[in-house]
Protein backbone atom coordinates (compact mmCIF):
# COMPACT_ATOMS: atom_id res chain seq x y z
CA MET A 1 185.19 152.42 -135.40
CA ARG A 2 187.97 149.79 -134.81
CA SER A 3 187.24 149.67 -131.07
CA SER A 4 183.61 148.82 -131.49
CA LEU A 5 184.72 145.97 -134.10
CA SER A 6 187.15 144.44 -131.53
CA VAL A 7 184.70 144.21 -128.73
CA CYS A 8 182.20 142.51 -131.28
CA ALA A 9 184.90 140.06 -132.17
CA LEU A 10 185.65 138.97 -128.68
CA PHE A 11 181.96 138.58 -127.88
CA LEU A 12 181.69 136.34 -131.04
CA ALA A 13 184.86 134.30 -129.88
CA ALA A 14 183.32 133.74 -126.47
CA SER A 15 180.03 132.68 -127.80
CA THR A 16 181.79 130.40 -130.08
CA PHE A 17 183.79 128.75 -127.14
CA VAL A 18 180.54 128.12 -125.08
CA ALA A 19 178.83 126.60 -128.09
CA CYS A 20 182.02 124.25 -128.58
CA ALA A 21 183.29 123.61 -125.04
CA SER A 22 182.84 119.97 -123.51
CA SER A 23 181.11 119.13 -120.46
CA LEU A 24 184.62 118.80 -118.61
CA ASP A 25 185.54 122.37 -119.71
CA LYS A 26 182.14 123.65 -118.68
CA ALA A 27 182.59 121.99 -115.33
CA ARG A 28 185.95 123.70 -114.69
CA VAL A 29 184.35 127.16 -115.67
CA ALA A 30 181.59 126.50 -113.18
CA ARG A 31 184.05 125.33 -110.39
CA ASN A 32 186.32 128.46 -110.98
CA ALA A 33 182.91 130.49 -110.56
CA HIS A 34 182.52 128.51 -107.25
CA ASP A 35 179.18 126.98 -108.75
CA ASP A 36 179.66 123.52 -107.27
CA VAL A 37 176.21 122.35 -108.20
CA ARG A 38 176.66 123.28 -111.94
CA ALA A 39 180.14 121.81 -111.62
CA GLU A 40 178.92 118.51 -110.41
CA GLN A 41 176.20 118.54 -113.23
CA TYR A 42 178.75 119.01 -115.91
CA LEU A 43 181.21 116.44 -114.36
CA ARG A 44 178.53 113.70 -114.12
CA LYS A 45 177.23 114.55 -117.70
CA SER A 46 181.05 114.38 -118.89
CA MET A 47 181.43 110.97 -116.98
CA ALA A 48 178.26 109.51 -118.73
CA SER A 49 178.79 110.80 -122.24
CA ASP A 50 182.41 111.76 -122.96
CA PRO A 51 184.48 108.57 -122.89
CA GLU A 52 187.69 110.32 -123.56
CA ASP A 53 187.15 112.87 -120.64
CA ARG A 54 185.65 110.19 -118.12
CA ALA A 55 188.50 109.62 -116.04
CA ALA A 56 189.51 113.09 -115.75
CA ALA A 57 185.99 113.99 -115.00
CA GLN A 58 185.69 111.31 -112.21
CA LYS A 59 188.93 112.47 -110.63
CA GLU A 60 187.73 116.05 -110.60
CA LEU A 61 184.48 115.12 -109.09
CA ALA A 62 186.21 113.17 -106.36
CA SER A 63 188.32 116.25 -105.76
CA LEU A 64 185.25 118.33 -105.53
CA LYS A 65 183.48 116.20 -103.05
CA PHE A 66 186.70 115.96 -100.82
CA ALA A 67 187.02 119.90 -100.95
CA GLN A 68 183.41 120.15 -99.83
CA ALA A 69 184.17 117.48 -97.21
CA GLN A 70 187.07 119.54 -95.97
CA ALA A 71 184.94 122.48 -95.60
CA LYS A 72 182.31 120.87 -93.54
CA ALA A 73 184.65 118.69 -91.34
CA LYS A 74 184.85 120.81 -88.35
CA GLN A 75 181.16 122.22 -88.06
CA ASP A 76 179.28 119.32 -89.36
CA PRO A 77 181.47 116.03 -89.28
CA ALA A 78 178.30 113.80 -90.28
CA ALA A 79 177.73 115.74 -93.48
CA ALA A 80 181.49 115.74 -94.31
CA GLU A 81 181.38 111.97 -93.75
CA LYS A 82 178.94 111.59 -96.55
CA LEU A 83 180.89 113.87 -98.79
CA VAL A 84 184.08 112.09 -98.41
CA ARG A 85 182.74 108.60 -98.71
CA GLU A 86 181.35 109.71 -102.15
CA SER A 87 184.91 111.04 -102.92
CA LEU A 88 186.46 107.65 -102.14
CA THR A 89 184.05 105.92 -104.20
CA LEU A 90 185.15 107.97 -107.11
CA ALA A 91 188.88 107.62 -106.15
CA PRO A 92 189.27 104.52 -104.02
CA GLY A 93 192.36 104.43 -101.68
CA ASP A 94 193.05 108.36 -102.01
CA GLU A 95 195.16 108.76 -98.90
CA LYS A 96 193.79 112.25 -98.23
CA ALA A 97 190.35 111.18 -98.46
CA VAL A 98 191.04 108.14 -96.22
CA ASP A 99 192.61 110.34 -93.66
CA LEU A 100 189.87 112.90 -93.68
CA LEU A 101 187.15 110.05 -93.34
CA GLY A 102 188.90 108.75 -90.32
CA ARG A 103 189.17 112.20 -88.80
CA VAL A 104 185.36 112.93 -89.20
CA ILE A 105 184.21 109.56 -88.05
CA ALA A 106 186.40 109.98 -84.75
CA ALA A 107 184.93 113.27 -84.54
CA GLN A 108 181.45 111.91 -84.09
CA GLY A 109 182.79 109.45 -81.38
CA ARG A 110 183.06 106.26 -83.25
CA LEU A 111 186.54 105.74 -82.30
CA ASP A 112 186.76 101.89 -83.13
CA GLU A 113 185.39 102.55 -86.67
CA ALA A 114 187.85 105.36 -87.30
CA ILE A 115 190.82 103.11 -86.46
CA GLY A 116 189.34 100.67 -88.61
CA VAL A 117 189.07 103.06 -91.42
CA LEU A 118 192.57 104.50 -90.96
CA GLY A 119 194.00 101.10 -90.55
CA GLU A 120 192.76 99.54 -93.69
CA GLY A 121 194.63 99.61 -96.89
CA GLU A 122 196.66 97.44 -99.22
CA GLN A 123 197.64 94.43 -97.49
CA GLY A 124 195.92 95.64 -94.20
CA LYS A 125 198.58 98.65 -93.74
CA PRO A 126 197.46 101.82 -93.36
CA CYS A 127 198.36 104.70 -95.81
CA ASP A 128 201.49 106.74 -95.23
CA MET A 129 199.29 109.98 -94.65
CA CYS A 130 197.11 108.11 -92.29
CA LYS A 131 199.79 106.87 -89.80
CA ARG A 132 200.20 109.75 -87.60
CA TYR A 133 196.56 110.38 -87.07
CA LEU A 134 195.98 106.68 -86.68
CA SER A 135 198.69 106.64 -83.88
CA VAL A 136 196.93 109.65 -82.22
CA LEU A 137 193.73 107.36 -82.01
CA LEU A 138 195.37 104.32 -81.04
CA LEU A 139 196.91 106.06 -77.92
CA GLU A 140 193.56 107.39 -77.22
CA ARG A 141 191.96 104.01 -77.46
CA ALA A 142 195.01 102.43 -75.51
CA GLY A 143 194.45 105.05 -72.51
CA LYS A 144 190.94 104.16 -72.25
CA ARG A 145 191.63 100.43 -72.33
CA GLU A 146 194.41 100.85 -69.65
CA ALA A 147 191.96 102.57 -67.45
CA ALA A 148 189.51 99.86 -67.73
CA LYS A 149 192.16 97.29 -67.09
CA ASP A 150 192.00 95.53 -70.53
CA PHE A 151 195.70 95.21 -70.46
CA GLU A 152 195.97 93.00 -73.48
CA GLY A 153 193.97 95.44 -75.49
CA ALA A 154 195.75 98.43 -74.10
CA ARG A 155 199.25 96.81 -74.95
CA ALA A 156 198.04 96.00 -78.64
CA ASP A 157 197.15 99.56 -79.21
CA TYR A 158 200.30 101.01 -77.62
CA SER A 159 202.41 98.37 -79.73
CA ARG A 160 200.72 99.34 -82.89
CA ALA A 161 201.26 103.11 -82.39
CA THR A 162 204.73 102.41 -81.73
CA ASP A 163 205.09 100.62 -84.89
CA LEU A 164 203.54 103.58 -86.55
CA ILE A 165 205.25 106.35 -84.95
CA PRO A 166 208.13 105.52 -82.84
CA ASP A 167 207.99 107.44 -79.53
CA ALA A 168 209.79 106.89 -76.27
CA ALA A 169 206.47 107.46 -74.15
CA THR A 170 204.55 105.05 -75.97
CA ALA A 171 207.10 102.31 -76.21
CA LEU A 172 207.48 102.98 -72.39
CA ALA A 173 203.53 102.49 -72.21
CA VAL A 174 204.03 99.07 -73.86
CA ALA A 175 206.66 98.15 -71.03
CA ARG A 176 204.39 99.42 -68.38
CA ILE A 177 201.39 97.29 -69.56
CA SER A 178 203.61 94.23 -70.27
CA GLU A 179 204.58 94.80 -66.45
CA GLN A 180 200.88 94.56 -65.46
CA LEU A 181 200.76 91.48 -67.46
CA GLY A 182 203.82 89.63 -65.74
CA ASP A 183 205.34 89.62 -69.04
CA PHE A 184 208.97 90.66 -68.34
CA GLU A 185 210.32 89.51 -71.58
CA GLY A 186 207.74 91.86 -73.32
CA MET A 187 208.80 94.69 -70.78
CA THR A 188 212.39 94.19 -71.83
CA ARG A 189 211.90 94.22 -75.51
CA ALA A 190 209.62 97.39 -75.08
CA ALA A 191 212.56 99.12 -73.37
CA GLU A 192 215.09 98.14 -75.90
CA LEU A 193 212.81 100.18 -78.30
CA ALA A 194 212.32 103.11 -75.96
CA VAL A 195 215.90 103.67 -74.80
CA PRO A 196 217.16 105.08 -78.15
CA LEU A 197 214.21 107.35 -78.35
CA ILE A 198 214.70 108.84 -75.00
CA ARG A 199 215.74 112.56 -75.32
CA ALA A 200 218.12 114.44 -72.97
CA ASP A 201 215.31 116.84 -72.51
CA ASP A 202 212.39 114.31 -72.09
CA THR A 203 212.50 114.33 -68.46
CA ALA A 204 208.80 112.62 -68.18
CA ALA A 205 210.21 109.77 -70.27
CA GLN A 206 213.44 109.65 -68.19
CA ASN A 207 211.35 109.44 -64.95
CA GLU A 208 209.02 106.80 -66.28
CA PHE A 209 211.93 104.73 -67.33
CA LEU A 210 213.67 104.79 -64.03
CA GLY A 211 210.45 103.93 -62.17
CA ILE A 212 209.92 100.91 -64.54
CA ARG A 213 213.69 100.04 -64.13
CA GLU A 214 213.56 100.15 -60.47
CA ARG A 215 210.66 97.81 -60.14
CA THR A 216 211.74 95.43 -62.83
CA VAL A 217 215.31 95.26 -61.23
CA LEU A 218 213.90 94.54 -57.88
CA ALA A 219 211.30 92.14 -58.93
CA ALA A 220 214.04 90.16 -60.90
CA ALA A 221 216.29 90.17 -57.77
CA GLY A 222 213.61 88.77 -55.74
CA ARG A 223 213.13 85.73 -58.09
CA GLY A 224 216.77 85.51 -58.47
CA ASP A 225 216.66 86.42 -62.11
CA VAL A 226 220.01 88.19 -62.21
CA THR A 227 220.20 87.97 -66.02
CA LEU A 228 217.12 89.89 -66.34
CA ALA A 229 218.21 92.52 -63.81
CA ASP A 230 221.34 93.14 -65.62
CA ARG A 231 219.66 93.48 -68.95
CA TRP A 232 217.84 96.39 -67.39
CA LEU A 233 220.93 97.83 -65.53
CA ASN A 234 222.64 97.83 -69.03
CA PHE A 235 220.04 100.18 -70.35
CA PHE A 236 221.56 103.85 -70.29
CA PRO A 237 219.28 106.26 -71.85
CA PRO A 238 219.87 109.89 -70.78
CA GLY A 239 219.53 110.40 -67.00
CA ALA A 240 219.75 106.61 -66.20
CA GLY A 241 223.16 106.53 -64.63
CA GLY A 242 224.62 108.17 -61.59
CA ASP A 243 223.50 107.54 -57.93
CA GLY A 244 220.20 105.79 -58.84
CA TRP A 245 222.06 103.14 -60.82
CA TYR A 246 224.35 102.46 -57.92
CA VAL A 247 221.64 102.24 -55.51
CA LEU A 248 219.92 99.44 -57.60
CA GLN A 249 223.19 97.52 -57.79
CA LEU A 250 223.48 97.66 -54.06
CA ARG A 251 220.02 96.65 -53.66
CA LEU A 252 220.48 93.81 -56.01
CA ALA A 253 223.55 92.55 -54.05
CA GLN A 254 221.61 92.78 -50.76
CA GLU A 255 218.79 90.58 -52.25
CA LEU A 256 221.17 88.10 -53.63
CA TYR A 257 222.76 87.86 -50.14
CA ARG A 258 219.37 87.46 -48.64
CA GLN A 259 218.83 84.59 -50.83
CA LYS A 260 222.14 82.99 -49.76
CA LYS A 261 223.89 83.65 -53.01
CA VAL A 262 226.69 84.95 -50.98
CA ASP A 263 229.53 84.71 -53.36
CA VAL A 264 227.42 86.21 -55.99
CA ALA A 265 226.48 89.12 -53.86
CA ILE A 266 230.24 89.75 -52.84
CA GLY A 267 231.40 89.58 -56.35
CA ARG A 268 228.95 92.18 -57.42
CA ALA A 269 229.74 94.56 -54.55
CA ARG A 270 233.53 94.27 -55.02
CA HIS A 271 233.26 95.07 -58.52
CA MET A 272 231.44 98.22 -57.54
CA LEU A 273 234.36 99.17 -55.53
CA GLY A 274 236.78 98.16 -58.19
CA PRO A 275 238.73 100.26 -60.77
CA THR A 276 235.89 100.48 -63.42
CA HIS A 277 233.78 102.64 -61.09
CA THR A 278 236.42 104.48 -59.12
CA ASP A 279 235.67 107.99 -61.00
CA THR A 280 231.73 107.54 -60.88
CA LEU A 281 230.59 105.87 -57.48
CA PRO A 282 229.36 108.51 -55.20
CA ALA A 283 231.06 108.67 -51.82
CA ASN A 284 228.00 107.81 -49.87
CA ARG A 285 227.30 104.88 -52.14
CA LYS A 286 231.01 103.63 -51.77
CA SER A 287 230.47 103.74 -48.04
CA GLU A 288 227.48 101.70 -48.33
CA PHE A 289 229.20 98.84 -50.49
CA GLN A 290 232.03 98.83 -47.97
CA ARG A 291 229.60 98.53 -45.14
CA PHE A 292 227.70 95.63 -46.86
CA LEU A 293 230.98 93.80 -47.51
CA ALA A 294 232.07 94.27 -44.11
CA ASP A 295 228.79 92.84 -42.68
CA ILE A 296 228.90 89.79 -44.76
CA TYR A 297 232.38 88.94 -43.94
CA ARG A 298 231.75 89.77 -40.31
CA LEU A 299 228.73 87.41 -40.23
CA GLN A 300 230.67 84.83 -42.10
CA GLY A 301 233.36 84.92 -39.50
CA VAL A 302 230.96 84.74 -36.74
CA GLY A 303 229.66 81.42 -38.28
CA PHE A 304 233.06 80.03 -38.51
CA LEU A 305 233.57 80.97 -34.93
CA ARG A 306 230.61 79.04 -33.84
CA GLU A 307 231.79 76.09 -35.80
CA GLY A 308 235.30 76.37 -34.38
CA LYS A 309 237.01 77.00 -37.79
CA LEU A 310 239.28 79.70 -36.50
CA VAL A 311 241.34 80.11 -39.49
CA GLU A 312 238.38 80.84 -41.73
CA ALA A 313 236.71 83.07 -39.09
CA ASP A 314 240.07 85.24 -38.63
CA ASP A 315 240.37 85.35 -42.49
CA ASN A 316 236.66 86.85 -42.65
CA PHE A 317 237.28 89.26 -39.75
CA ARG A 318 240.36 90.55 -41.57
CA MET A 319 238.71 91.08 -44.74
CA ALA A 320 235.87 92.88 -42.85
CA MET A 321 238.28 95.16 -41.42
CA GLU A 322 239.35 96.14 -45.08
CA PHE A 323 236.14 97.65 -45.45
CA ALA A 324 235.61 98.94 -42.05
CA PRO A 325 238.80 99.49 -40.52
CA THR A 326 237.55 101.57 -37.62
CA ASP A 327 234.86 99.29 -36.53
CA ASP A 328 235.88 98.22 -33.00
CA LYS A 329 233.18 95.51 -32.95
CA ILE A 330 235.21 93.53 -35.50
CA LYS A 331 238.16 93.90 -33.35
CA LEU A 332 236.20 92.32 -30.64
CA LEU A 333 235.35 89.56 -32.94
CA ARG A 334 239.05 88.94 -33.91
CA ALA A 335 239.61 88.67 -30.07
CA LEU A 336 237.21 85.84 -29.81
CA ALA A 337 239.31 83.90 -32.76
CA ILE A 338 242.41 84.85 -30.83
CA ALA A 339 240.89 83.01 -27.93
CA GLY A 340 239.89 80.24 -29.92
CA ASN A 341 243.50 79.54 -30.73
CA LYS A 342 244.39 79.00 -27.04
CA GLU A 343 245.39 82.65 -26.52
CA ILE A 344 242.73 83.67 -24.04
CA GLY A 345 245.08 86.01 -22.16
CA ARG A 346 246.09 87.96 -25.18
CA ALA A 347 242.52 88.19 -26.28
CA ILE A 348 241.42 89.48 -23.07
CA GLN A 349 244.27 92.32 -23.46
CA VAL A 350 242.82 93.11 -27.00
CA VAL A 351 239.37 93.67 -25.32
CA ASN A 352 240.62 95.61 -22.59
CA ALA A 353 242.33 98.17 -24.88
CA LEU A 354 239.17 98.96 -26.59
CA PRO A 355 236.53 101.54 -25.52
CA LYS A 356 234.31 99.87 -23.00
CA GLU A 357 231.45 101.68 -24.57
CA THR A 358 232.07 99.64 -27.83
CA LYS A 359 228.95 97.56 -28.62
CA GLY A 360 229.56 94.00 -27.42
CA HIS A 361 232.45 94.79 -25.02
CA ALA A 362 231.02 93.42 -21.96
CA GLU A 363 229.45 90.34 -23.94
CA VAL A 364 232.89 89.58 -25.49
CA LEU A 365 234.70 89.91 -22.07
CA ALA A 366 232.13 87.43 -20.63
CA ILE A 367 232.59 84.82 -23.46
CA LEU A 368 236.43 84.98 -22.96
CA GLU A 369 236.02 84.63 -19.02
CA SER A 370 233.62 81.55 -19.58
CA MET A 371 236.18 79.92 -22.09
CA GLN A 372 238.57 80.15 -19.38
CA VAL A 373 236.15 78.23 -16.95
CA ALA A 374 236.38 75.33 -19.29
CA ASP A 375 240.25 75.69 -19.67
CA ARG A 376 240.54 75.61 -15.87
CA LEU A 377 238.43 72.54 -15.53
CA ALA A 378 240.19 70.74 -18.12
CA ASP A 379 243.32 71.54 -15.81
CA GLY A 380 241.70 70.42 -12.67
CA ASP A 381 241.71 74.04 -11.26
CA VAL A 382 238.31 74.27 -9.79
CA GLU A 383 238.99 77.17 -7.89
CA GLY A 384 240.52 79.15 -10.92
CA ALA A 385 237.32 77.98 -12.79
CA ARG A 386 234.97 79.18 -10.10
CA ALA A 387 236.72 82.69 -10.10
CA ALA A 388 236.67 82.82 -13.99
CA LEU A 389 232.99 82.21 -13.83
CA ALA A 390 232.62 84.89 -11.21
CA ARG A 391 234.23 87.55 -13.63
CA ALA A 392 232.32 86.22 -16.59
CA GLN A 393 229.06 86.77 -14.45
CA ALA A 394 230.16 90.22 -13.71
CA ALA A 395 230.85 91.17 -17.03
CA SER A 396 227.45 89.99 -18.45
CA ALA A 397 225.57 87.44 -16.62
CA GLU A 398 222.74 86.90 -19.50
CA THR A 399 225.22 85.96 -22.12
CA PRO A 400 224.54 82.22 -23.33
CA GLU A 401 228.18 81.42 -23.03
CA VAL A 402 228.27 82.30 -19.50
CA HIS A 403 225.43 79.87 -18.76
CA VAL A 404 227.23 77.25 -20.68
CA ALA A 405 230.16 77.86 -18.48
CA MET A 406 227.80 77.74 -15.39
CA ALA A 407 226.42 74.23 -16.65
CA GLU A 408 230.10 73.03 -16.82
CA MET A 409 230.50 73.95 -13.25
CA LEU A 410 227.42 72.39 -12.14
CA PHE A 411 228.34 69.24 -13.87
CA ILE A 412 231.04 68.57 -11.32
CA THR A 413 229.56 70.19 -8.25
CA PRO A 414 227.75 67.85 -5.88
CA ALA A 415 224.21 68.32 -5.21
CA ALA A 416 223.10 69.75 -2.04
CA GLY A 417 222.33 67.56 0.96
CA ILE A 418 223.40 64.40 -0.62
CA ASN A 419 225.10 61.83 2.03
CA LYS A 420 226.26 58.45 1.79
CA GLY A 421 222.71 56.98 2.87
CA ILE A 422 221.07 58.94 -0.09
CA VAL A 423 223.63 57.58 -2.36
CA ARG A 424 222.78 53.86 -1.29
CA GLN A 425 219.23 54.63 -1.59
CA LEU A 426 219.51 55.86 -5.15
CA LYS A 427 221.81 52.94 -5.90
CA LYS A 428 218.87 50.49 -4.95
CA SER A 429 215.71 52.57 -6.26
CA GLY A 430 216.96 55.49 -8.42
CA ILE A 431 215.47 56.04 -11.56
CA ILE A 432 218.70 57.47 -12.69
CA LYS A 433 221.92 55.72 -12.50
CA TYR A 434 224.45 58.19 -11.47
CA PRO A 435 227.95 57.74 -13.04
CA ASN A 436 230.80 56.68 -10.33
CA ASP A 437 227.75 57.19 -7.80
CA GLU A 438 228.53 60.86 -7.94
CA VAL A 439 225.29 62.75 -7.48
CA ASN A 440 226.17 66.08 -8.97
CA ARG A 441 223.69 69.11 -10.01
CA TYR A 442 223.08 67.46 -13.39
CA GLY A 443 219.64 68.55 -13.53
CA GLU A 444 220.58 72.18 -13.05
CA ALA A 445 223.29 71.93 -15.60
CA LEU A 446 220.83 70.73 -18.06
CA SER A 447 218.55 73.59 -17.23
CA GLU A 448 221.30 76.15 -17.81
CA LEU A 449 222.00 74.65 -21.08
CA ALA A 450 218.23 74.94 -22.16
CA TRP A 451 218.47 78.40 -20.89
CA ALA A 452 221.48 79.14 -23.10
CA ARG A 453 220.06 77.76 -26.10
CA GLU A 454 216.72 79.81 -25.66
CA GLN A 455 218.64 82.90 -25.21
CA ALA A 456 220.78 82.19 -28.23
CA ARG A 457 217.81 81.47 -30.30
CA GLY A 458 216.30 84.81 -29.05
CA LEU A 459 219.49 86.66 -30.06
CA GLY A 460 219.08 85.34 -33.89
CA GLU A 461 221.55 84.12 -36.23
CA GLY A 462 222.77 87.55 -37.00
CA TYR A 463 223.87 88.30 -33.56
CA LEU A 464 227.42 88.79 -33.89
CA PHE A 465 229.17 87.81 -30.32
CA ARG A 466 229.22 84.15 -29.98
CA GLY A 467 231.92 82.12 -28.39
CA PRO A 468 234.20 80.09 -30.75
CA GLY A 469 232.99 76.30 -31.07
CA ILE A 470 230.17 77.23 -28.55
CA ASP A 471 227.76 74.87 -30.31
CA ALA A 472 230.28 72.09 -30.07
CA ARG A 473 230.78 72.72 -26.40
CA MET A 474 226.95 72.86 -25.68
CA ALA A 475 226.40 69.48 -27.58
CA ASN A 476 229.44 67.83 -26.01
CA LEU A 477 228.08 68.65 -22.38
CA ASP A 478 224.55 67.72 -23.28
CA ARG A 479 225.92 64.36 -24.73
CA GLN A 480 227.63 63.65 -21.67
CA LEU A 481 224.55 64.34 -19.48
CA ARG A 482 222.18 62.40 -21.83
CA ALA A 483 224.42 59.49 -21.22
CA PHE A 484 222.60 58.76 -18.16
CA TYR A 485 219.93 61.66 -17.51
CA PRO A 486 217.11 60.66 -19.64
CA PHE A 487 214.46 63.23 -18.73
CA ALA A 488 213.87 66.51 -20.53
CA VAL A 489 214.78 69.64 -18.61
CA GLU A 490 213.68 73.32 -18.98
CA PHE A 491 214.78 76.23 -17.21
CA ASN A 492 212.65 77.27 -13.98
CA ALA A 493 213.38 80.89 -12.73
CA ASP A 494 212.50 80.07 -9.22
CA SER A 495 214.36 77.98 -6.62
CA THR A 496 211.56 75.34 -6.76
CA ALA A 497 211.60 71.94 -8.68
CA ILE A 498 208.84 71.55 -11.03
CA LEU A 499 208.00 67.95 -12.05
CA LYS A 500 205.62 67.01 -14.91
CA ILE A 501 204.78 63.31 -14.26
CA ARG A 502 203.17 60.97 -16.72
CA PHE A 503 203.12 57.24 -17.47
CA LYS A 504 205.10 55.68 -20.33
CA SER A 505 202.06 53.78 -21.27
CA GLY A 506 199.73 56.72 -21.38
CA ALA A 507 197.38 55.17 -19.06
CA ALA A 508 195.82 57.10 -15.96
CA GLY A 509 196.93 56.49 -12.60
CA GLU A 510 197.94 57.91 -9.15
CA VAL A 511 201.73 58.85 -7.98
CA GLY A 512 202.55 59.59 -4.36
CA VAL A 513 205.16 62.20 -4.45
CA LYS A 514 207.29 62.31 -1.29
CA THR A 515 209.94 64.84 -0.04
CA ASP A 516 210.83 66.13 3.24
CA GLU A 517 207.73 68.46 3.05
CA GLY A 518 205.53 65.31 3.31
CA GLU A 519 203.72 63.16 0.72
CA GLN A 520 201.06 64.24 -1.78
CA ALA A 521 199.02 62.21 -4.32
CA VAL A 522 199.33 63.35 -8.00
CA ARG A 523 196.47 62.17 -10.28
CA VAL A 524 197.77 61.64 -13.84
CA PRO A 525 194.80 61.68 -16.49
CA ALA A 526 195.10 59.12 -19.44
CA GLY A 527 196.92 60.21 -22.36
CA SER A 528 197.58 63.66 -20.85
CA GLU A 529 200.78 65.67 -21.21
CA GLY A 530 201.45 64.98 -17.52
CA ALA A 531 200.32 66.25 -14.06
CA GLU A 532 202.56 69.06 -12.58
CA VAL A 533 203.88 69.05 -9.06
CA VAL A 534 205.88 72.10 -7.50
CA LEU A 535 208.47 71.04 -4.88
CA ARG A 536 209.52 73.97 -2.95
CA GLN A 537 212.24 72.06 -1.06
CA PRO A 538 214.02 70.09 -3.91
CA GLY A 539 216.30 67.00 -2.76
CA LEU A 540 215.64 63.35 -2.30
CA THR A 541 212.11 62.53 -3.65
CA TYR A 542 210.22 59.29 -3.66
CA PHE A 543 207.55 58.14 -6.10
CA ARG A 544 205.02 55.41 -4.93
CA ILE A 545 203.11 53.64 -7.72
CA ASN A 546 201.05 50.71 -6.55
CA GLY A 547 203.19 49.94 -3.59
CA LYS A 548 206.32 50.17 -5.55
CA VAL A 549 208.82 52.97 -4.39
CA SER A 550 211.52 54.60 -6.52
CA SER A 551 213.75 57.62 -5.82
CA PHE A 552 215.10 60.63 -7.63
CA VAL A 553 217.05 63.83 -6.49
CA THR A 554 215.16 66.88 -7.62
CA GLU A 555 217.01 70.20 -8.05
CA PRO A 556 216.06 73.58 -7.89
CA TYR A 557 215.66 76.08 -10.97
CA THR A 558 214.45 72.93 -13.12
CA ARG A 559 211.35 71.79 -14.77
CA VAL A 560 211.81 68.25 -15.47
CA ALA A 561 209.30 65.70 -17.42
CA ILE A 562 209.38 62.44 -15.49
CA ASP A 563 208.29 59.35 -17.55
CA LEU A 564 207.51 56.57 -15.00
């Protein structure tokens, strides 16, 4: 009996609740029963008729629409978009809804719009919840822009993504795009952000950093921008030191040397070999820095040798030997410096003590013997000079200094076949006034000098083995010859004499050229470079122009430009 009464009481209580419940309460009951349609009806009714429950009803309807949108997001993003927009109308700025709206828009392929939605917010800032997914979308769009070579757009997206979620790879992407734009300062700022973010286990970021660093350092070095190069060399994320770092230091020093910033290059290389890097510099890089410095000092010494600055030359060779003590080529160069100090005999002893297979051995011996030619001639010992020249030629006949010594010998050697009658004829009609009436082999001497210059040019500025003061020696002999021999002379490999005849006025005309072979008429066109004639038997030669005769001694192995 009591049990039946209890059931009836409960039934009466529930009926009373339904009869008395508000629309908001009814909506909650319907939602708990998963009846979203009736729940929405009651919520909207509450919003319209229950002022006290309006705010709560609106919030719960927004939550209902958000839940419905979440449920449809994967299968039907378009429907989800409509629902989440309704949710945002009811609860503007709700971060979860904004984030979901961006996701379902992106799922429909509207990337730019999704980025816009997620990036909007108070004062143009994205909501906290939106940042991560917004960063994902920005990276996706940045990649597409980069592939399309829209580097400005790509950099803007990568930069914004980095601001939202700091990440090594993204910051390095900013550096990479700045590189494409030629913005080295932008690259460097991006690297400053990236370096603290690169983890020891992130080999991909490490490798990308190393590639960017190498390109940047070498580009900066090529422009002589040491400050920028050093900024990058001072970045030390995990994996950035060691051998690769020292390689870049070496290449930077080499580039600075190439740009003739010699003191800067030397200073950097010496620092790498100093106490700061004693324990970290790999052995193979140490050898490369030592060789680099040895080569610089050696080349500087060679330059001083050519200028006749023997003290400076020897100082540089001594420093070169500090870094390459077993290099016999440097010992050969020091022998040249010794010879320049008037100790040729001692220098020859030094050379003879070195292995003959040492590169430059024969050339240096030839240079030393050619220097003896000049010394013997200065002492009036012509036979001694001739003997020294023979030894020089035997050692290395094609060395430029040997040809200079040959020119010095020719300068004092009488021309073949010259007698007193010829000398009288030359005094009367010669186009050259020979000093002291001495008709020597001046043309051949100039030919040898021309050959020596050409050979020296062919060897290049980097060629090591040049005689001390050789440039001044050549210039001095050339000056002596040019004092009375005005015609340009080139080397001729044959024993003939080649004349290039032209008129000073540039006019056309005819020249009779007579030698022991006979006379030939040479027609010179107007304004031409000259008419060539080959004399197989050089010697006394006459030029006849309109009945006027002049004379000249032609010599073998010469090509002479004659202005008449």
